[in-house]
Protein backbone atom coordinates (compact mmCIF):
# COMPACT_ATOMS: atom_id res chain seq x y z
CA MET A 1 32.49 -7.96 3.58
CA GLU A 2 28.81 -7.58 4.55
CA MET A 3 26.46 -10.13 3.37
CA ILE A 4 23.40 -8.78 1.37
CA ALA A 5 20.17 -10.62 2.04
CA SER A 6 18.84 -12.95 -0.60
CA TYR A 7 14.84 -13.20 -1.14
CA THR A 8 13.41 -15.98 -3.13
CA SER A 9 9.67 -15.40 -2.82
CA PHE A 10 7.53 -12.21 -2.07
CA VAL A 11 3.79 -12.20 -1.15
CA ALA A 12 1.82 -8.88 -0.79
CA VAL A 13 -1.46 -8.44 1.03
CA GLY A 14 -3.74 -5.67 1.17
CA ASP A 15 -6.18 -3.31 -0.57
CA SER A 16 -5.92 -1.00 -3.68
CA PHE A 17 -2.67 0.61 -2.32
CA THR A 18 -1.00 -2.74 -2.73
CA GLU A 19 -2.93 -3.74 -5.89
CA GLY A 20 -1.28 -0.65 -7.50
CA MET A 21 -3.85 2.12 -8.29
CA SER A 22 -3.46 4.50 -10.02
CA ASP A 23 -0.12 3.35 -11.65
CA LEU A 24 -1.89 2.76 -14.96
CA LEU A 25 -0.12 0.80 -17.65
CA PRO A 26 -0.93 1.22 -21.31
CA ASP A 27 -3.06 -1.96 -21.33
CA GLY A 28 -5.40 -0.66 -18.69
CA SER A 29 -3.97 -2.87 -15.94
CA TYR A 30 -2.35 -1.32 -12.79
CA ARG A 31 1.45 -1.94 -11.80
CA GLY A 32 2.18 -0.30 -8.33
CA TRP A 33 4.85 -0.58 -5.90
CA ALA A 34 4.57 -4.37 -5.14
CA ASP A 35 4.97 -5.28 -8.82
CA LEU A 36 7.94 -2.88 -9.08
CA LEU A 37 9.57 -4.39 -5.84
CA ALA A 38 9.10 -8.04 -7.34
CA ALA A 39 10.61 -7.12 -10.53
CA ARG A 40 13.67 -5.80 -8.72
CA LEU A 41 13.98 -8.82 -6.49
CA ALA A 42 13.43 -11.04 -9.39
CA ALA A 43 16.39 -9.62 -11.19
CA ARG A 44 18.55 -10.64 -8.40
CA GLU A 45 17.34 -14.13 -7.67
CA PRO A 46 16.82 -16.85 -10.62
CA GLY A 47 13.51 -18.69 -10.04
CA PHE A 48 11.90 -15.69 -7.65
CA ARG A 49 8.24 -16.26 -7.01
CA TYR A 50 5.89 -13.58 -6.55
CA ALA A 51 2.04 -13.44 -5.38
CA ASN A 52 -0.19 -10.26 -4.96
CA LEU A 53 -3.39 -10.98 -3.03
CA ALA A 54 -4.42 -7.37 -2.84
CA VAL A 55 -8.00 -6.29 -3.96
CA ARG A 56 -9.23 -2.61 -4.07
CA GLY A 57 -11.55 -1.52 -1.42
CA LYS A 58 -10.95 -4.39 1.19
CA LEU A 59 -11.31 -3.55 4.95
CA ILE A 60 -8.65 -4.96 7.50
CA GLY A 61 -11.25 -7.53 8.51
CA GLN A 62 -11.70 -9.01 4.91
CA ILE A 63 -7.92 -8.90 4.52
CA ALA A 64 -7.40 -10.69 7.87
CA GLU A 65 -10.08 -13.31 7.06
CA GLU A 66 -9.49 -13.69 3.17
CA GLN A 67 -5.93 -13.07 2.31
CA ALA A 68 -3.55 -13.60 5.40
CA PRO A 69 -4.56 -17.44 5.88
CA VAL A 70 -3.66 -17.85 2.09
CA ALA A 71 -0.60 -15.81 2.32
CA ALA A 72 0.51 -17.62 5.52
CA ALA A 73 0.25 -20.90 3.71
CA MET A 74 2.46 -19.95 0.92
CA GLY A 75 5.54 -19.55 3.41
CA ALA A 76 7.34 -17.00 1.45
CA ASP A 77 10.60 -15.06 2.48
CA VAL A 78 8.92 -11.62 2.53
CA VAL A 79 5.22 -10.80 3.34
CA THR A 80 3.83 -7.05 3.23
CA LEU A 81 0.74 -6.36 5.01
CA VAL A 82 -0.76 -2.97 4.45
CA GLY A 83 -4.43 -2.52 5.68
CA GLY A 84 -6.78 -0.62 7.73
CA LEU A 85 -6.64 2.76 5.96
CA ASN A 86 -9.83 2.07 4.17
CA ASP A 87 -11.44 1.38 7.53
CA THR A 88 -10.16 4.78 9.18
CA LEU A 89 -11.69 6.80 6.32
CA ARG A 90 -15.31 5.40 6.80
CA PRO A 91 -17.66 7.72 8.41
CA LYS A 92 -18.03 5.51 11.41
CA VAL A 93 -15.46 2.82 12.56
CA ASP A 94 -14.88 0.70 15.33
CA MET A 95 -11.05 1.03 16.05
CA GLY A 96 -11.25 -1.88 18.35
CA ARG A 97 -12.40 -4.18 15.68
CA VAL A 98 -9.76 -2.74 13.51
CA ARG A 99 -7.22 -3.60 16.11
CA ALA A 100 -8.39 -7.09 16.65
CA HIS A 101 -8.24 -7.87 13.01
CA LEU A 102 -4.93 -6.50 12.37
CA GLU A 103 -3.49 -8.34 15.41
CA SER A 104 -4.91 -11.47 14.00
CA ALA A 105 -3.34 -11.10 10.57
CA VAL A 106 0.16 -10.21 12.05
CA GLU A 107 -0.06 -13.23 14.61
CA LEU A 108 -0.70 -15.62 11.66
CA LEU A 109 1.86 -13.98 9.29
CA ALA A 110 4.78 -13.30 11.30
CA PRO A 111 5.75 -16.83 11.97
CA SER A 112 4.97 -18.01 8.54
CA CYS A 113 7.51 -16.00 6.66
CA LYS A 114 11.12 -14.84 7.24
CA HIS A 115 10.55 -11.23 6.92
CA LEU A 116 7.05 -9.51 7.65
CA VAL A 117 6.93 -5.77 6.64
CA LEU A 118 4.23 -3.47 7.82
CA MET A 119 3.76 0.13 6.68
CA ARG A 120 2.57 3.58 8.06
CA SER A 121 0.56 4.49 4.90
CA PRO A 122 1.29 8.01 3.27
CA GLY A 123 -1.62 10.51 3.38
CA ARG A 124 -2.06 13.44 1.10
CA ASN A 125 -1.69 16.72 2.66
CA GLY A 126 -5.02 18.74 2.83
CA PRO A 127 -8.42 19.22 4.80
CA VAL A 128 -9.68 15.69 4.04
CA MET A 129 -6.56 14.27 5.70
CA GLU A 130 -7.01 16.28 8.62
CA ARG A 131 -10.28 15.09 9.49
CA PHE A 132 -9.14 11.44 9.43
CA ARG A 133 -5.54 12.07 10.87
CA PRO A 134 -6.50 11.11 14.66
CA ARG A 135 -7.74 7.71 13.47
CA MET A 136 -5.04 7.02 11.03
CA GLU A 137 -2.34 7.90 13.80
CA GLU A 138 -4.15 5.70 16.10
CA LEU A 139 -3.65 2.82 13.54
CA PHE A 140 0.04 3.57 12.96
CA THR A 141 0.63 3.40 16.61
CA LEU A 142 -0.86 0.04 16.45
CA ILE A 143 1.35 -0.92 13.64
CA ASP A 144 4.44 0.15 15.61
CA GLU A 145 3.48 -1.92 18.79
CA LEU A 146 2.72 -5.13 16.56
CA ALA A 147 5.86 -4.80 14.75
CA ALA A 148 7.94 -4.38 18.00
CA ARG A 149 5.98 -7.55 19.46
CA HIS A 150 6.61 -9.91 16.57
CA GLY A 151 9.74 -8.69 14.93
CA ALA A 152 8.24 -7.04 11.78
CA ARG A 153 9.73 -4.17 9.92
CA VAL A 154 7.84 -0.90 9.55
CA VAL A 155 8.21 1.19 6.61
CA ASP A 156 7.24 4.96 7.71
CA LEU A 157 5.71 6.37 4.66
CA TYR A 158 3.58 8.56 6.66
CA GLY A 159 6.64 10.13 7.96
CA ALA A 160 7.96 11.33 4.51
CA PRO A 161 6.80 14.77 3.82
CA ALA A 162 7.37 14.03 0.00
CA LEU A 163 4.74 11.61 -0.05
CA GLY A 164 2.16 14.24 1.30
CA ASP A 165 2.72 16.44 -1.54
CA PRO A 166 -0.42 16.82 -3.86
CA ARG A 167 1.65 16.09 -6.89
CA MET A 168 2.43 12.67 -5.80
CA TRP A 169 -1.22 11.75 -5.85
CA ASP A 170 -3.56 11.14 -8.64
CA VAL A 171 -6.76 13.18 -9.56
CA ASP A 172 -8.73 10.80 -7.46
CA ARG A 173 -6.93 11.94 -4.34
CA LEU A 174 -6.65 8.59 -2.94
CA HIS A 175 -3.96 6.87 -4.76
CA LEU A 176 -0.36 7.49 -5.44
CA THR A 177 0.78 8.37 -8.98
CA ALA A 178 3.41 6.21 -10.81
CA GLU A 179 6.37 8.23 -9.05
CA GLY A 180 4.84 7.75 -5.82
CA HIS A 181 4.69 3.91 -6.19
CA ARG A 182 8.28 3.99 -7.17
CA ARG A 183 9.31 5.51 -4.18
CA VAL A 184 7.27 3.18 -2.14
CA ALA A 185 8.97 0.23 -3.95
CA GLU A 186 12.29 1.93 -2.96
CA ALA A 187 11.56 2.41 0.77
CA VAL A 188 10.61 -1.46 0.96
CA TRP A 189 13.78 -2.24 -0.80
CA GLN A 190 15.80 -0.42 1.77
CA ALA A 191 13.92 -1.74 4.68
CA LEU A 192 14.91 -5.26 3.39
CA GLY A 193 18.47 -4.14 3.78
CA LEU A 194 19.21 -3.95 -0.02
CA PRO A 195 21.63 -1.25 -1.42
CA THR A 196 20.02 2.20 -1.78
CA GLU A 197 19.48 3.03 -5.22
CA GLN A 198 17.58 6.28 -4.85
CA ASP A 199 16.41 8.83 -2.08
CA TRP A 200 12.73 8.01 -1.74
CA ARG A 201 12.36 10.69 0.84
CA ALA A 202 13.51 13.64 -1.61
CA GLU A 203 11.14 16.38 -1.80
CA LEU A 204 9.90 17.62 -5.10
CA PRO A 205 11.15 20.81 -6.59
CA SER A 206 8.93 23.89 -5.58
CA ALA A 207 6.52 24.76 -7.96
CA VAL A 208 4.00 27.60 -8.47
CA PRO A 209 0.55 26.51 -7.10
CA PRO A 210 -2.32 26.50 -9.48
CA GLY A 211 -4.49 29.56 -9.21
CA TRP A 212 -8.03 29.86 -7.59
CA ALA A 213 -10.03 29.13 -10.72
CA VAL A 214 -8.02 26.01 -11.66
CA ARG A 215 -8.38 24.69 -8.11
CA ARG A 216 -12.10 25.05 -8.11
CA ALA A 217 -12.24 23.31 -11.68
CA GLN A 218 -10.12 20.45 -10.18
CA ASP A 219 -12.31 20.29 -7.08
CA LEU A 220 -15.43 20.04 -9.26
CA SER A 221 -14.02 17.31 -11.48
CA PHE A 222 -12.81 15.37 -8.44
CA ALA A 223 -16.25 15.58 -6.79
CA ARG A 224 -18.18 14.45 -9.90
CA GLN A 225 -15.80 11.62 -11.07
CA HIS A 226 -14.53 10.20 -7.89
CA LEU A 227 -16.03 11.62 -4.48
CA ILE A 228 -19.84 11.16 -5.53
CA PRO A 229 -19.42 7.81 -6.88
CA TRP A 230 -17.24 6.79 -3.57
CA VAL A 231 -19.97 8.25 -1.29
CA GLY A 232 -22.65 6.23 -3.17
CA ARG A 233 -20.68 3.05 -2.57
CA ARG A 234 -20.47 3.79 1.01
CA LEU A 235 -24.25 4.48 1.53
CA THR A 236 -25.14 1.21 -0.45
CA GLY A 237 -22.54 -1.10 1.31
CA ARG A 238 -20.78 -1.72 -1.86
CA SER A 239 -17.06 -1.86 -2.58
CA SER A 240 -15.00 -1.24 -5.52
CA GLY A 241 -13.52 -4.82 -5.00
CA ASP A 242 -16.69 -6.53 -4.91
CA GLY A 243 -16.40 -9.72 -6.86
CA ARG A 244 -12.98 -8.74 -7.91
CA PRO A 245 -10.25 -11.73 -7.78
CA ALA A 246 -6.78 -11.24 -6.26
CA LYS A 247 -4.29 -9.52 -8.70
CA ARG A 248 -1.90 -12.29 -8.57
CA PRO A 249 -3.49 -15.26 -6.56
CA GLN A 250 -0.70 -17.89 -6.66
CA LEU A 251 3.18 -17.75 -5.64
CA LEU A 252 4.58 -18.29 -8.97
CA PRO A 253 7.90 -17.45 -10.83
CA TYR A 254 8.20 -13.81 -11.69
CA ALA A 255 10.09 -12.49 -14.58
CA GLY A 256 8.65 -9.03 -14.82
CA SER A 257 10.56 -5.87 -15.57
CA PRO A 258 9.92 -2.59 -13.82
CA VAL A 259 9.13 0.32 -16.32
CA SER A 260 10.88 3.68 -15.59
């Protein structure tokens, strides 16, 4: 009989994607794929511990310098590292620096844990995505190289067409919906060798796209509520994560339960 791996601790490192935006809970906090995964792992292992060091808006240099050393010191069974996408979405980016920071983070984290998980992040289909696609794919090539070099696992969310479906994305067009986060949790679960519960790659049922007037109204709302503030932060050097603490800064027992 094949033995199923046991995981007693999990540390998540990254930005808003790992913090859980936009999987909003009734109390105004964010849940997200990492919390969902932690809850499922906790249900299998008494005394399971979980930390989430992710902070929205962080660039890969900040993740490497601020989060990776803390995560490495925790010595967890599983560490997930997702970062660099915020860098690729900036008007200007030095991909050489992105490479150097990501390499340093992986080199620090890989020997500190039993299983390091990296990701090729999902991208929403559309014209904005096309503009940044070359940078993203350069980042993902590096992730593949680092994973092969350090024995890390790669979860290929980018290669799943279902996660590019606009219906998987919140109105800000930057963050996954609750359904998207649920699928990411399942993808990492399977990457850890745990029994498949759902087909996270399954495409959504076909639907009639909204008409021109509805799309234009959505575009205007998006620009007013999300795009203009985002551009403003870029121009002034601010970040949505400035001054914000880590979501769950200590590796402590976790008994949360996923909400379906």
